[in-house]
């Protein structure tokens, strides 16, 4: 069942121009719970989650597991989750980040403000200086929450 759910979840994400961020399956095979976390370049709304849920239910009913009594949660990953795709960064231009990146010699962890994105290159301001980092050199990036 896990593979079927993963295939359906990824197909719908691809069809709706979404990123499948995480898929968690809990419970038993007789009463599983599927938690699907999606995102896109502009952010995920309740309507996007509802459309995704409807499509998932339609596709799941076509499988051999159609009679399984399952629960489904579709949500955005939340602002405190690390970003995984470069397109997720666009909606966060101007925000502060906690980032870890490989500078060619070692992995550094800093807090910096994202100011620009150009293809696969991210520009941050760190200690009043521009810091250019290729996306592939990022190890972890989280939006810094401010209250």
C-alpha atoms as a PDB file:
ATOM      1  CA  UNK A   1       0.000   0.000   0.000  1.00  0.00           C
ATOM      2  CA  UNK A   2       2.847   2.396   0.862  1.00  0.00           C
ATOM      3  CA  UNK A   3       4.219   2.336  -2.682  1.00  0.00           C
ATOM      4  CA  UNK A   4       0.753   2.883  -4.181  1.00  0.00           C
ATOM      5  CA  UNK A   5       0.132   5.878  -1.913  1.00  0.00           C
ATOM      6  CA  UNK A   6       3.551   7.327  -2.746  1.00  0.00           C
ATOM      7  CA  UNK A   7       2.968   6.972  -6.507  1.00  0.00           C
ATOM      8  CA  UNK A   8      -0.477   8.593  -6.281  1.00  0.00           C
ATOM      9  CA  UNK A   9       0.775  11.408  -4.034  1.00  0.00           C
ATOM     10  CA  UNK A  10       3.696  12.223  -6.356  1.00  0.00           C
ATOM     11  CA  UNK A  11       1.567  12.041  -9.528  1.00  0.00           C
ATOM     12  CA  UNK A  12      -0.987  14.489  -8.153  1.00  0.00           C
ATOM     13  CA  UNK A  13       1.750  16.829  -6.939  1.00  0.00           C
ATOM     14  CA  UNK A  14       3.337  16.773 -10.393  1.00  0.00           C
ATOM     15  CA  UNK A  15      -0.025  17.292 -12.145  1.00  0.00           C
ATOM     16  CA  UNK A  16      -0.837  20.287  -9.914  1.00  0.00           C
ATOM     17  CA  UNK A  17       2.661  21.839 -10.074  1.00  0.00           C
ATOM     18  CA  UNK A  18       3.280  21.128  -6.401  1.00  0.00           C
ATOM     19  CA  UNK A  19       6.229  19.762  -4.471  1.00  0.00           C
ATOM     20  CA  UNK A  20       5.607  16.608  -2.468  1.00  0.00           C
ATOM     21  CA  UNK A  21       7.481  17.591   0.682  1.00  0.00           C
ATOM     22  CA  UNK A  22       6.705  14.649   2.896  1.00  0.00           C
ATOM     23  CA  UNK A  23       4.447  11.616   3.091  1.00  0.00           C
ATOM     24  CA  UNK A  24       3.806   9.953   6.433  1.00  0.00           C
ATOM     25  CA  UNK A  25       1.788   6.770   6.777  1.00  0.00           C
ATOM     26  CA  UNK A  26       0.632   5.866  10.280  1.00  0.00           C
ATOM     27  CA  UNK A  27      -1.706   3.302  11.758  1.00  0.00           C
ATOM     28  CA  UNK A  28      -2.425  -0.219  10.582  1.00  0.00           C
ATOM     29  CA  UNK A  29      -3.029  -1.579   7.092  1.00  0.00           C
ATOM     30  CA  UNK A  30      -6.735  -1.890   7.975  1.00  0.00           C
ATOM     31  CA  UNK A  31      -7.047   1.721   9.202  1.00  0.00           C
ATOM     32  CA  UNK A  32      -4.115   3.773   7.909  1.00  0.00           C
ATOM     33  CA  UNK A  33      -3.671   7.509   8.199  1.00  0.00           C
ATOM     34  CA  UNK A  34      -1.946   9.364   5.357  1.00  0.00           C
ATOM     35  CA  UNK A  35      -0.344  12.737   6.040  1.00  0.00           C
ATOM     36  CA  UNK A  36       0.736  14.503   2.858  1.00  0.00           C
ATOM     37  CA  UNK A  37       2.698  17.743   2.950  1.00  0.00           C
ATOM     38  CA  UNK A  38       2.804  19.832  -0.230  1.00  0.00           C
ATOM     39  CA  UNK A  39       4.188  23.195  -1.255  1.00  0.00           C
ATOM     40  CA  UNK A  40       4.689  25.337  -4.348  1.00  0.00           C
ATOM     41  CA  UNK A  41       6.433  28.501  -5.446  1.00  0.00           C
ATOM     42  CA  UNK A  42       3.666  30.812  -4.210  1.00  0.00           C
ATOM     43  CA  UNK A  43       2.516  28.994  -1.089  1.00  0.00           C
ATOM     44  CA  UNK A  44      -0.268  26.534  -0.421  1.00  0.00           C
ATOM     45  CA  UNK A  45      -3.834  27.617   0.341  1.00  0.00           C
ATOM     46  CA  UNK A  46      -6.738  25.688   1.841  1.00  0.00           C
ATOM     47  CA  UNK A  47      -8.258  25.464  -1.664  1.00  0.00           C
ATOM     48  CA  UNK A  48      -5.088  23.877  -3.043  1.00  0.00           C
ATOM     49  CA  UNK A  49      -5.114  21.327  -0.211  1.00  0.00           C
ATOM     50  CA  UNK A  50      -8.804  20.598  -0.824  1.00  0.00           C
ATOM     51  CA  UNK A  51      -8.244  20.072  -4.572  1.00  0.00           C
ATOM     52  CA  UNK A  52      -5.312  17.792  -3.835  1.00  0.00           C
ATOM     53  CA  UNK A  53      -7.404  15.801  -1.319  1.00  0.00           C
ATOM     54  CA  UNK A  54     -10.257  15.313  -3.798  1.00  0.00           C
ATOM     55  CA  UNK A  55      -7.869  14.137  -6.493  1.00  0.00           C
ATOM     56  CA  UNK A  56      -6.116  11.779  -4.065  1.00  0.00           C
ATOM     57  CA  UNK A  57      -9.420  10.223  -2.982  1.00  0.00           C
ATOM     58  CA  UNK A  58     -10.493   9.762  -6.617  1.00  0.00           C
ATOM     59  CA  UNK A  59      -7.193   8.075  -7.524  1.00  0.00           C
ATOM     60  CA  UNK A  60      -7.039   5.934  -4.375  1.00  0.00           C
ATOM     61  CA  UNK A  61     -10.532   4.557  -5.090  1.00  0.00           C
ATOM     62  CA  UNK A  62      -9.188   3.133  -8.377  1.00  0.00           C
ATOM     63  CA  UNK A  63      -6.663   0.909  -6.561  1.00  0.00           C
ATOM     64  CA  UNK A  64      -6.967  -2.518  -4.944  1.00  0.00           C
ATOM     65  CA  UNK A  65      -7.073  -0.681  -1.598  1.00  0.00           C
ATOM     66  CA  UNK A  66     -10.324   1.143  -2.418  1.00  0.00           C
ATOM     67  CA  UNK A  67     -12.201  -0.548   0.455  1.00  0.00           C
ATOM     68  CA  UNK A  68      -9.626   0.452   3.089  1.00  0.00           C
ATOM     69  CA  UNK A  69     -10.973   2.852   5.722  1.00  0.00           C
ATOM     70  CA  UNK A  70      -8.269   5.521   5.795  1.00  0.00           C
ATOM     71  CA  UNK A  71      -7.888   9.087   6.985  1.00  0.00           C
ATOM     72  CA  UNK A  72      -6.175  11.768   4.933  1.00  0.00           C
ATOM     73  CA  UNK A  73      -4.488  14.995   5.967  1.00  0.00           C
ATOM     74  CA  UNK A  74      -3.128  17.327   3.278  1.00  0.00           C
ATOM     75  CA  UNK A  75      -1.245  20.383   4.466  1.00  0.00           C
ATOM     76  CA  UNK A  76       1.642  22.720   3.803  1.00  0.00           C
ATOM     77  CA  UNK A  77       4.809  21.705   5.645  1.00  0.00           C
ATOM     78  CA  UNK A  78       4.760  24.764   7.901  1.00  0.00           C
ATOM     79  CA  UNK A  79       7.160  27.677   8.061  1.00  0.00           C
ATOM     80  CA  UNK A  80       9.451  25.949  10.569  1.00  0.00           C
ATOM     81  CA  UNK A  81      10.313  23.104   8.171  1.00  0.00           C
ATOM     82  CA  UNK A  82      13.508  23.229   6.088  1.00  0.00           C
ATOM     83  CA  UNK A  83      13.058  24.275   2.468  1.00  0.00           C
ATOM     84  CA  UNK A  84      13.899  21.516  -0.018  1.00  0.00           C
ATOM     85  CA  UNK A  85      13.369  23.033  -3.475  1.00  0.00           C
ATOM     86  CA  UNK A  86      14.755  26.275  -4.871  1.00  0.00           C
ATOM     87  CA  UNK A  87      11.308  27.396  -5.999  1.00  0.00           C
ATOM     88  CA  UNK A  88      10.205  27.456  -2.340  1.00  0.00           C
ATOM     89  CA  UNK A  89      12.640  30.305  -1.654  1.00  0.00           C
ATOM     90  CA  UNK A  90      10.928  32.892  -3.904  1.00  0.00           C
ATOM     91  CA  UNK A  91       8.088  33.564  -1.491  1.00  0.00           C
ATOM     92  CA  UNK A  92      10.644  34.188   1.259  1.00  0.00           C
ATOM     93  CA  UNK A  93      12.763  36.893  -0.399  1.00  0.00           C
ATOM     94  CA  UNK A  94      13.372  39.570   2.228  1.00  0.00           C
ATOM     95  CA  UNK A  95      13.164  37.159   5.147  1.00  0.00           C
ATOM     96  CA  UNK A  96      15.865  36.050   7.538  1.00  0.00           C
ATOM     97  CA  UNK A  97      17.112  32.476   7.321  1.00  0.00           C
ATOM     98  CA  UNK A  98      19.111  30.032   9.358  1.00  0.00           C
ATOM     99  CA  UNK A  99      21.294  28.321   6.759  1.00  0.00           C
ATOM    100  CA  UNK A 100      24.009  25.699   6.669  1.00  0.00           C
ATOM    101  CA  UNK A 101      26.121  25.575   3.537  1.00  0.00           C
ATOM    102  CA  UNK A 102      29.362  24.173   2.178  1.00  0.00           C
ATOM    103  CA  UNK A 103      31.768  27.020   1.443  1.00  0.00           C
ATOM    104  CA  UNK A 104      34.245  24.706  -0.298  1.00  0.00           C
ATOM    105  CA  UNK A 105      36.312  24.156   2.821  1.00  0.00           C
ATOM    106  CA  UNK A 106      33.788  23.409   5.544  1.00  0.00           C
ATOM    107  CA  UNK A 107      30.097  23.562   6.372  1.00  0.00           C
ATOM    108  CA  UNK A 108      29.111  26.881   7.925  1.00  0.00           C
ATOM    109  CA  UNK A 109      25.930  27.698   9.824  1.00  0.00           C
ATOM    110  CA  UNK A 110      24.801  31.326   9.869  1.00  0.00           C
ATOM    111  CA  UNK A 111      21.763  33.602   9.958  1.00  0.00           C
ATOM    112  CA  UNK A 112      21.336  35.808   6.887  1.00  0.00           C
ATOM    113  CA  UNK A 113      18.653  37.679   4.908  1.00  0.00           C
ATOM    114  CA  UNK A 114      17.641  36.333   1.480  1.00  0.00           C
ATOM    115  CA  UNK A 115      17.676  39.192  -1.035  1.00  0.00           C
ATOM    116  CA  UNK A 116      17.677  37.618  -4.497  1.00  0.00           C
ATOM    117  CA  UNK A 117      17.447  34.406  -6.510  1.00  0.00           C
ATOM    118  CA  UNK A 118      18.960  33.993  -9.967  1.00  0.00           C
ATOM    119  CA  UNK A 119      18.503  30.512 -11.443  1.00  0.00           C
ATOM    120  CA  UNK A 120      20.274  28.262  -8.914  1.00  0.00           C
ATOM    121  CA  UNK A 121      22.087  31.063  -7.078  1.00  0.00           C
ATOM    122  CA  UNK A 122      20.801  32.572  -3.840  1.00  0.00           C
ATOM    123  CA  UNK A 123      21.978  35.957  -2.596  1.00  0.00           C
ATOM    124  CA  UNK A 124      21.954  36.647   1.126  1.00  0.00           C
ATOM    125  CA  UNK A 125      23.069  39.601   3.222  1.00  0.00           C
ATOM    126  CA  UNK A 126      25.339  38.458   6.031  1.00  0.00           C
ATOM    127  CA  UNK A 127      27.056  41.002   8.274  1.00  0.00           C
ATOM    128  CA  UNK A 128      26.200  43.763   5.759  1.00  0.00           C
ATOM    129  CA  UNK A 129      27.999  41.877   2.951  1.00  0.00           C
ATOM    130  CA  UNK A 130      26.498  40.022  -0.009  1.00  0.00           C
ATOM    131  CA  UNK A 131      26.885  36.279   0.264  1.00  0.00           C
ATOM    132  CA  UNK A 132      26.330  34.251  -2.909  1.00  0.00           C
ATOM    133  CA  UNK A 133      25.494  30.564  -2.446  1.00  0.00           C
ATOM    134  CA  UNK A 134      24.689  27.989  -5.117  1.00  0.00           C
ATOM    135  CA  UNK A 135      21.575  26.043  -4.206  1.00  0.00           C
ATOM    136  CA  UNK A 136      23.473  22.738  -4.427  1.00  0.00           C
ATOM    137  CA  UNK A 137      25.852  23.955  -1.696  1.00  0.00           C
ATOM    138  CA  UNK A 138      23.015  24.516   0.786  1.00  0.00           C
ATOM    139  CA  UNK A 139      22.810  21.777   3.377  1.00  0.00           C
ATOM    140  CA  UNK A 140      19.830  23.169   5.279  1.00  0.00           C
ATOM    141  CA  UNK A 141      17.730  26.325   5.087  1.00  0.00           C
ATOM    142  CA  UNK A 142      14.943  27.367   7.428  1.00  0.00           C
ATOM    143  CA  UNK A 143      13.074  30.638   7.596  1.00  0.00           C
ATOM    144  CA  UNK A 144      13.906  32.327  10.877  1.00  0.00           C
ATOM    145  CA  UNK A 145      10.740  32.990  12.810  1.00  0.00           C
ATOM    146  CA  UNK A 146      10.456  36.419  14.377  1.00  0.00           C
ATOM    147  CA  UNK A 147       7.906  37.392  16.988  1.00  0.00           C
END
